[in-house]
Amino acid sequence: MYCIGGRTGLLVRGAPPDKRDRAFDQDRPGLHHVCFRARNHDDVDAIHQYVVAELEGWTVVHPPEDGSQFAPGYYSVLLEDPDGIRVEINHVPGQGHFGSGGRLGPGGRGPASRYGDGGSAATMGGREGSGMVETTLNYLARMDEKPAYYLYPPPEGTPWRNTKGDRKTAVMHDARALEPAASLDREGFALVHLETAVEDLYDPEIVRDVYFKEVEKLVANATGATRVHVFDHNVRNADRAGDRDSGVQNPVLFAHNDYTASSGPQRVRDLLPGEAEALLQHRFAVINVWKPISGPVQVNPLGFCDAQSMGADDLITTDLRYRDRTGEVYSLAFNPEHRWFYYPQMRADEVLLLKCFDSDDRVARFTAHSSFDDPTSPADAPARESIEVRTLTFWEDA
């Protein structure tokens, strides 16, 4: 088929037999995807239904969904043909990208910074803390059975996990621009200041002897809690994670929340068995304390989802299977209403407080989070170094 318009020619033909088995790779130089404009939402939906019902070998990358982060009213479906070529069908009312509120319209933030040599990174404010960046997040595809991950070699014939990822484009907003500032009980996260006396946060003994006490005092002051109990910590650095003896781990590139409505209280029973039932009569929370070891953070920053934008159905109970026990976390399923934030260029004296559980259902209870690929990171930026401490936080006289 060869179609010629006033300015555009389009040729579609069958590939020669000796080249038909080569899959297209959208990350190679050349074509990224082909986009066709539809007249309305119904046309987008109809094409999606046609592909699912009639075309063999096609993949639905994402079903019809809102994409208002690109332009007001943006609605699209993304497909992949049997050769791996991606095809988008979208409907964008009005002037789209060039209209008011659009990426290229008056006051818009310009093209995504990963397009072109630097794109409009300055306009987006990705490194200045005044804008937002666009990235891809790893959600969990919804499934009928309970998701599970093995954290040790599983029995022979058993896969490490039974899950399937669901990659979605997301906009990470600058949390520094929030007015009023974010709070643990509203958005589920907050930024505070801490200058630690510990020089080597890779030393687990010093961390337990000194840093844990600093964290307990910090969380108590920030929340008004009557008691804070630190029970665990992780250190992350991709450059050092290959050394198994160091205990250093990689950043987690998967949207999740560390505790569920069941595993939060269970952690209190596991760690404080003699006091648990009395403590659980009052309000308590699990608060993660996340801090750069060195700064500023330029690679794999931590993103977090505004607790107000998550629905109960977005949180998928997931098993973590250890040799001696089974833990439980929430994986996050995609919802176009999610609002993601991060603190650009976090310094070593800045600390993120992240609510992973709260027994009080009148406030933010869970805050899903994930490390993400920042497209504005310099190519020679050092790996992220961070330490996260988990705390049980109690308000015993509440």
Protein backbone atom coordinates (compact mmCIF):
# COMPACT_ATOMS: atom_id res chain seq x y z
CA MET A 1 0.00 0.00 0.00
CA TYR A 2 1.40 3.38 -0.95
CA CYS A 3 -0.47 6.52 0.12
CA ILE A 4 0.63 10.01 -0.91
CA GLY A 5 -0.75 13.21 0.59
CA GLY A 6 0.15 16.84 0.08
CA ARG A 7 3.31 16.53 2.19
CA THR A 8 3.55 12.89 3.25
CA GLY A 9 4.10 9.54 1.60
CA LEU A 10 3.45 6.27 3.42
CA LEU A 11 4.54 2.89 2.09
CA VAL A 12 3.54 -0.40 3.72
CA ARG A 13 4.82 -3.62 2.15
CA GLY A 14 5.62 -7.17 3.09
CA ALA A 15 9.20 -7.92 4.14
CA PRO A 16 11.30 -10.28 1.99
CA PRO A 17 11.08 -13.90 3.25
CA ASP A 18 14.69 -13.94 4.44
CA LYS A 19 14.15 -10.90 6.69
CA ARG A 20 10.72 -11.58 8.18
CA ASP A 21 11.96 -13.08 11.44
CA ARG A 22 13.92 -10.02 12.54
CA ALA A 23 12.15 -8.19 15.34
CA PHE A 24 12.24 -4.40 15.36
CA ASP A 25 13.94 -2.69 18.30
CA GLN A 26 12.56 0.76 19.11
CA ASP A 27 15.72 1.65 21.03
CA ARG A 28 17.87 1.37 17.90
CA PRO A 29 18.60 4.52 15.88
CA GLY A 30 15.62 5.24 13.65
CA LEU A 31 11.89 4.82 14.14
CA HIS A 32 10.57 4.87 17.71
CA HIS A 33 6.86 4.48 17.02
CA VAL A 34 4.17 5.50 14.54
CA CYS A 35 1.27 7.61 15.79
CA PHE A 36 -2.10 8.11 14.11
CA ARG A 37 -4.64 10.72 15.21
CA ALA A 38 -8.24 9.58 15.77
CA ARG A 39 -11.28 11.85 15.63
CA ASN A 40 -12.71 10.83 19.02
CA HIS A 41 -12.47 8.47 22.00
CA ASP A 42 -14.79 5.94 20.36
CA ASP A 43 -12.42 5.48 17.42
CA VAL A 44 -9.52 4.77 19.80
CA ASP A 45 -11.65 2.21 21.65
CA ALA A 46 -12.88 0.63 18.39
CA ILE A 47 -9.35 0.15 17.04
CA HIS A 48 -8.28 -1.42 20.34
CA GLN A 49 -11.22 -3.85 20.19
CA TYR A 50 -10.48 -4.68 16.54
CA VAL A 51 -6.83 -5.48 17.24
CA VAL A 52 -7.71 -7.73 20.19
CA ALA A 53 -10.45 -9.57 18.30
CA GLU A 54 -9.08 -9.78 14.76
CA LEU A 55 -5.29 -9.43 14.56
CA GLU A 56 -3.06 -12.33 15.51
CA GLY A 57 0.42 -11.67 16.84
CA TRP A 58 -0.30 -8.11 17.97
CA THR A 59 0.37 -7.00 21.56
CA VAL A 60 -1.50 -4.33 23.50
CA VAL A 61 1.26 -2.38 25.27
CA HIS A 62 -1.37 -0.37 27.10
CA PRO A 63 -5.16 -0.25 26.58
CA PRO A 64 -6.97 3.05 25.97
CA GLU A 65 -6.05 5.39 28.79
CA ASP A 66 -5.82 9.02 29.81
CA GLY A 67 -2.54 10.78 29.08
CA SER A 68 -3.28 14.29 30.29
CA GLN A 69 0.34 14.68 31.37
CA PHE A 70 1.06 15.21 27.64
CA ALA A 71 -1.87 17.50 26.76
CA PRO A 72 -5.37 18.18 28.15
CA GLY A 73 -7.76 15.40 27.13
CA TYR A 74 -5.04 13.21 25.58
CA TYR A 75 -6.42 9.65 25.13
CA SER A 76 -4.48 6.84 23.48
CA VAL A 77 -3.89 3.13 22.96
CA LEU A 78 -0.39 1.76 22.30
CA LEU A 79 0.01 -1.41 20.22
CA GLU A 80 2.90 -3.51 18.96
CA ASP A 81 2.79 -5.40 15.69
CA PRO A 82 4.28 -8.90 15.19
CA ASP A 83 7.59 -7.35 14.08
CA GLY A 84 7.89 -5.27 17.25
CA ILE A 85 6.93 -1.92 15.67
CA ARG A 86 4.86 0.16 18.05
CA VAL A 87 1.75 1.95 16.79
CA GLU A 88 -0.12 4.55 18.82
CA ILE A 89 -3.68 5.69 18.10
CA ASN A 90 -4.69 8.81 20.00
CA HIS A 91 -7.36 11.46 20.26
CA VAL A 92 -6.29 14.91 21.43
CA PRO A 93 -8.99 17.60 21.49
CA GLY A 94 -8.37 21.23 20.59
CA GLN A 95 -4.80 22.26 19.86
CA GLY A 96 -3.30 19.36 21.79
CA HIS A 97 0.38 19.87 22.55
CA PHE A 98 0.23 23.43 21.20
CA GLY A 99 -2.82 24.54 23.21
CA SER A 100 -3.07 26.04 26.68
CA GLY A 101 -1.74 23.46 29.15
CA GLY A 102 -0.06 21.43 26.40
CA ARG A 103 3.61 20.57 26.47
CA LEU A 104 4.42 22.92 23.57
CA GLY A 105 1.77 25.56 24.30
CA PRO A 106 2.03 28.86 26.22
CA GLY A 107 3.83 28.16 29.48
CA GLY A 108 4.30 24.48 28.58
CA ARG A 109 7.37 22.63 29.77
CA GLY A 110 8.67 21.80 26.29
CA PRO A 111 9.64 18.46 24.76
CA ALA A 112 10.63 15.59 27.01
CA SER A 113 14.27 16.08 27.90
CA ARG A 114 15.26 12.71 26.49
CA TYR A 115 14.36 13.89 22.96
CA GLY A 116 17.21 15.64 21.20
CA ASP A 117 20.56 16.65 22.62
CA GLY A 118 19.45 17.75 26.06
CA GLY A 119 15.97 18.71 24.79
CA SER A 120 14.32 21.26 27.03
CA ALA A 121 15.74 20.04 30.33
CA ALA A 122 16.18 23.63 31.49
CA THR A 123 12.54 24.40 30.71
CA MET A 124 11.40 21.29 32.56
CA GLY A 125 13.57 22.16 35.53
CA GLY A 126 14.67 18.54 35.93
CA ARG A 127 17.96 19.49 37.58
CA GLU A 128 16.93 22.78 39.12
CA GLY A 129 14.14 21.50 41.35
CA SER A 130 11.46 23.61 39.67
CA GLY A 131 9.71 21.24 37.27
CA MET A 132 9.21 17.59 36.50
CA VAL A 133 10.72 14.69 34.61
CA GLU A 134 9.13 11.94 32.56
CA THR A 135 10.14 8.34 33.15
CA THR A 136 8.92 4.74 32.97
CA LEU A 137 7.73 2.92 36.10
CA ASN A 138 7.41 -0.80 36.66
CA TYR A 139 3.90 -1.53 37.92
CA LEU A 140 2.43 -5.00 38.55
CA ALA A 141 0.05 -6.40 35.94
CA ARG A 142 -3.17 -7.50 37.63
CA MET A 143 -3.51 -11.28 37.95
CA ASP A 144 -5.95 -13.89 39.28
CA GLU A 145 -3.59 -15.67 41.68
CA LYS A 146 -1.69 -14.08 44.56
CA PRO A 147 1.64 -12.61 43.37
CA ALA A 148 4.75 -14.07 44.99
CA TYR A 149 8.52 -13.62 44.85
CA TYR A 150 11.17 -16.04 46.14
CA LEU A 151 14.09 -14.34 47.89
CA TYR A 152 16.12 -17.57 47.92
CA PRO A 153 16.57 -20.27 45.21
CA PRO A 154 13.09 -21.79 44.89
CA PRO A 155 12.35 -25.53 44.71
CA GLU A 156 13.35 -27.14 41.42
CA GLY A 157 10.84 -26.40 38.70
CA THR A 158 9.37 -23.41 40.56
CA PRO A 159 9.87 -19.97 38.99
CA TRP A 160 11.40 -17.16 41.03
CA ARG A 161 8.15 -15.24 40.65
CA ASN A 162 4.72 -15.70 39.12
CA THR A 163 4.23 -12.04 38.24
CA LYS A 164 4.27 -9.95 35.08
CA GLY A 165 5.39 -6.34 34.97
CA ASP A 166 3.34 -3.49 33.55
CA ARG A 167 5.59 -0.66 32.35
CA LYS A 168 3.91 2.75 32.28
CA THR A 169 5.05 6.26 31.46
CA ALA A 170 4.84 8.53 34.51
CA VAL A 171 5.60 12.14 35.30
CA MET A 172 7.65 12.75 38.43
CA HIS A 173 6.69 16.11 39.92
CA ASP A 174 9.06 18.19 42.01
CA ALA A 175 7.93 17.77 45.63
CA ARG A 176 9.92 20.86 46.61
CA ALA A 177 7.31 22.94 44.76
CA LEU A 178 4.37 21.69 46.87
CA GLU A 179 2.62 24.45 48.81
CA PRO A 180 2.03 23.71 51.61
CA ALA A 181 4.94 21.33 51.99
CA ALA A 182 4.15 17.62 51.85
CA SER A 183 3.25 15.93 55.13
CA LEU A 184 3.25 12.33 56.38
CA ASP A 185 -0.45 12.38 57.23
CA ARG A 186 -1.64 13.97 53.96
CA GLU A 187 0.59 12.87 51.06
CA GLY A 188 2.38 10.15 53.06
CA PHE A 189 5.88 11.63 52.81
CA ALA A 190 7.86 14.57 54.16
CA LEU A 191 11.34 16.06 53.89
CA VAL A 192 13.32 16.85 57.05
CA HIS A 193 16.90 17.81 57.91
CA LEU A 194 19.52 15.65 59.63
CA GLU A 195 23.28 16.00 59.99
CA THR A 196 24.48 12.66 61.24
CA ALA A 197 27.55 12.21 63.42
CA VAL A 198 28.32 8.94 61.60
CA GLU A 199 31.15 9.24 59.09
CA ASP A 200 30.80 5.75 57.58
CA LEU A 201 27.18 4.71 57.00
CA TYR A 202 28.42 1.49 55.37
CA ASP A 203 29.59 0.26 58.80
CA PRO A 204 26.64 -1.71 60.25
CA GLU A 205 27.88 -1.61 63.84
CA ILE A 206 28.26 2.17 63.91
CA VAL A 207 24.90 2.54 62.15
CA ARG A 208 23.21 0.45 64.85
CA ASP A 209 25.03 2.11 67.75
CA VAL A 210 24.78 5.75 66.63
CA TYR A 211 22.62 6.33 63.58
CA PHE A 212 19.65 4.34 64.89
CA LYS A 213 19.46 6.63 67.93
CA GLU A 214 19.63 9.70 65.69
CA VAL A 215 16.77 8.34 63.60
CA GLU A 216 14.62 7.54 66.62
CA LYS A 217 14.98 11.11 67.88
CA LEU A 218 14.34 12.54 64.39
CA VAL A 219 11.10 10.60 63.86
CA ALA A 220 9.82 11.36 67.37
CA ASN A 221 10.39 15.10 66.84
CA ALA A 222 8.80 15.06 63.37
CA THR A 223 5.68 13.11 64.36
CA GLY A 224 5.10 13.77 68.05
CA ALA A 225 5.29 10.03 68.69
CA THR A 226 5.83 8.83 72.25
CA ARG A 227 8.05 5.94 71.22
CA VAL A 228 10.13 5.04 68.13
CA HIS A 229 11.73 1.64 67.65
CA VAL A 230 14.27 1.14 64.83
CA PHE A 231 14.37 -2.48 63.68
CA ASP A 232 16.07 -2.72 60.29
CA HIS A 233 18.17 -0.91 57.70
CA ASN A 234 19.43 -1.29 54.12
CA VAL A 235 22.27 0.38 52.26
CA ARG A 236 22.06 0.74 48.46
CA ASN A 237 24.77 1.46 45.91
CA ALA A 238 24.69 -0.15 42.45
CA ASP A 239 28.49 0.03 42.16
CA ARG A 240 29.03 -2.00 45.34
CA ALA A 241 26.02 -4.32 45.20
CA GLY A 242 27.97 -7.07 43.40
CA ASP A 243 29.94 -7.80 46.58
CA ARG A 244 27.71 -10.24 48.46
CA ASP A 245 29.73 -9.97 51.67
CA SER A 246 29.15 -6.20 51.88
CA GLY A 247 25.39 -6.46 52.30
CA VAL A 248 24.98 -3.50 49.92
CA GLN A 249 21.96 -3.77 47.61
CA ASN A 250 20.77 -2.31 44.32
CA PRO A 251 18.00 0.31 44.08
CA VAL A 252 14.52 -1.23 43.74
CA LEU A 253 12.97 -0.38 40.36
CA PHE A 254 9.47 -1.62 41.13
CA ALA A 255 6.48 0.28 42.52
CA HIS A 256 5.60 -1.16 45.93
CA ASN A 257 4.76 -0.45 49.56
CA ASP A 258 6.76 -2.27 52.23
CA TYR A 259 3.86 -3.41 54.43
CA THR A 260 0.21 -4.40 54.13
CA ALA A 261 -2.76 -3.99 56.44
CA SER A 262 -1.84 -7.42 57.87
CA SER A 263 1.96 -7.43 57.82
CA GLY A 264 2.25 -4.03 59.53
CA PRO A 265 0.72 -5.18 62.85
CA GLN A 266 2.40 -8.56 62.47
CA ARG A 267 5.79 -6.85 62.45
CA VAL A 268 5.01 -5.45 65.92
CA ARG A 269 4.09 -8.94 67.14
CA ASP A 270 7.29 -10.40 65.68
CA LEU A 271 9.64 -7.77 67.10
CA LEU A 272 7.99 -6.84 70.41
CA PRO A 273 6.07 -10.00 71.38
CA GLY A 274 5.75 -9.22 75.07
CA GLU A 275 4.29 -5.75 74.48
CA ALA A 276 2.58 -6.11 71.11
CA GLU A 277 -1.04 -6.52 72.13
CA ALA A 278 -0.90 -3.53 74.47
CA LEU A 279 0.89 -1.39 71.89
CA LEU A 280 -1.59 -2.34 69.16
CA GLN A 281 -4.42 -0.85 71.21
CA HIS A 282 -3.10 2.58 70.23
CA ARG A 283 -2.09 4.23 66.98
CA PHE A 284 1.15 3.08 65.42
CA ALA A 285 2.90 3.48 62.07
CA VAL A 286 5.79 2.02 60.10
CA ILE A 287 7.88 4.94 58.84
CA ASN A 288 10.89 4.53 56.57
CA VAL A 289 13.72 7.02 56.93
CA TRP A 290 15.58 7.37 53.60
CA LYS A 291 18.75 9.43 53.28
CA PRO A 292 21.51 9.88 50.70
CA ILE A 293 24.90 8.78 52.00
CA SER A 294 26.48 11.30 49.66
CA GLY A 295 24.88 13.89 47.45
CA PRO A 296 23.44 15.29 45.42
CA VAL A 297 21.47 12.27 44.16
CA GLN A 298 21.57 12.31 40.36
CA VAL A 299 21.03 8.66 39.42
CA ASN A 300 18.06 6.45 40.40
CA PRO A 301 16.34 8.93 42.74
CA LEU A 302 13.43 7.67 44.82
CA GLY A 303 9.93 8.48 43.58
CA PHE A 304 6.82 8.20 45.73
CA CYS A 305 3.11 8.18 44.98
CA ASP A 306 0.85 10.70 46.71
CA ALA A 307 -1.22 8.57 49.10
CA GLN A 308 -4.29 10.66 48.24
CA SER A 309 -4.12 9.51 44.61
CA MET A 310 -4.07 5.76 45.31
CA GLY A 311 -7.19 3.62 45.49
CA ALA A 312 -7.52 0.53 47.68
CA ASP A 313 -7.76 -1.64 44.55
CA ASP A 314 -4.34 -0.39 43.37
CA LEU A 315 -2.58 -2.14 46.26
CA ILE A 316 -2.03 -5.82 45.41
CA THR A 317 -1.09 -8.08 48.34
CA THR A 318 2.14 -9.90 47.40
CA ASP A 319 4.11 -12.65 49.16
CA LEU A 320 7.85 -12.38 49.76
CA ARG A 321 9.06 -15.91 50.42
CA TYR A 322 12.16 -16.25 52.58
CA ARG A 323 13.70 -19.54 53.74
CA ASP A 324 12.27 -19.20 57.25
CA ARG A 325 9.16 -17.08 56.77
CA THR A 326 6.80 -15.43 54.31
CA GLY A 327 6.52 -11.66 54.34
CA GLU A 328 3.84 -9.57 52.71
CA VAL A 329 4.04 -6.29 50.79
CA TYR A 330 1.80 -4.36 48.44
CA SER A 331 2.71 -4.26 44.76
CA LEU A 332 1.17 -1.34 42.90
CA ALA A 333 -1.18 -1.76 39.93
CA PHE A 334 -1.48 1.10 37.47
CA ASN A 335 -4.08 3.81 37.92
CA PRO A 336 -4.01 6.95 35.73
CA GLU A 337 -4.97 8.99 38.80
CA HIS A 338 -1.60 8.34 40.48
CA ARG A 339 0.46 11.46 41.21
CA TRP A 340 4.18 10.81 41.56
CA PHE A 341 6.75 13.06 43.25
CA TYR A 342 10.45 13.17 44.05
CA TYR A 343 12.91 15.58 45.63
CA PRO A 344 15.46 16.53 42.95
CA GLN A 345 19.13 16.69 43.86
CA MET A 346 18.68 15.38 47.42
CA ARG A 347 21.63 16.27 49.64
CA ALA A 348 23.29 14.14 52.30
CA ASP A 349 21.76 16.32 55.05
CA GLU A 350 18.22 15.79 53.74
CA VAL A 351 16.03 12.91 54.91
CA LEU A 352 12.82 11.56 53.41
CA LEU A 353 10.19 10.22 55.80
CA LEU A 354 7.93 7.71 54.07
CA LYS A 355 4.72 6.28 55.55
CA CYS A 356 4.52 2.54 54.83
CA PHE A 357 1.73 1.73 57.28
CA ASP A 358 -0.57 3.60 59.65
CA SER A 359 -3.22 2.05 61.84
CA ASP A 360 -5.23 5.30 61.70
CA ASP A 361 -7.46 5.15 58.61
CA ARG A 362 -8.23 8.90 58.79
CA VAL A 363 -4.77 9.79 57.46
CA ALA A 364 -2.41 8.57 54.75
CA ARG A 365 -1.80 4.89 55.48
CA PHE A 366 0.39 3.61 52.62
CA THR A 367 2.83 5.34 50.27
CA ALA A 368 3.99 3.32 47.27
CA HIS A 369 7.46 4.16 46.03
CA SER A 370 10.08 3.13 43.50
CA SER A 371 13.51 4.13 42.33
CA PHE A 372 13.35 5.43 38.75
CA ASP A 373 15.53 6.29 35.79
CA ASP A 374 15.95 10.07 35.65
CA PRO A 375 16.45 10.98 31.95
CA THR A 376 18.18 14.22 32.92
CA SER A 377 20.96 12.44 34.85
CA PRO A 378 24.44 13.28 33.51
CA ALA A 379 26.06 10.35 31.73
CA ASP A 380 29.02 10.41 34.13
CA ALA A 381 27.00 10.86 37.34
CA PRO A 382 28.05 8.57 40.23
CA ALA A 383 25.81 5.77 41.42
CA ARG A 384 23.26 6.64 44.08
CA GLU A 385 24.37 5.90 47.65
CA SER A 386 21.55 5.76 50.18
CA ILE A 387 20.58 4.29 53.54
CA GLU A 388 17.02 3.49 54.62
CA VAL A 389 15.99 2.73 58.18
CA ARG A 390 12.64 1.20 59.15
CA THR A 391 10.91 2.30 62.33
CA LEU A 392 7.90 1.27 64.38
CA THR A 393 6.38 4.52 65.60
CA PHE A 394 3.90 4.56 68.49
CA TRP A 395 1.55 7.11 69.99
CA GLU A 396 0.88 5.20 73.20
CA ASP A 397 -1.29 7.84 74.85
CA ALA A 398 -3.28 8.73 71.71
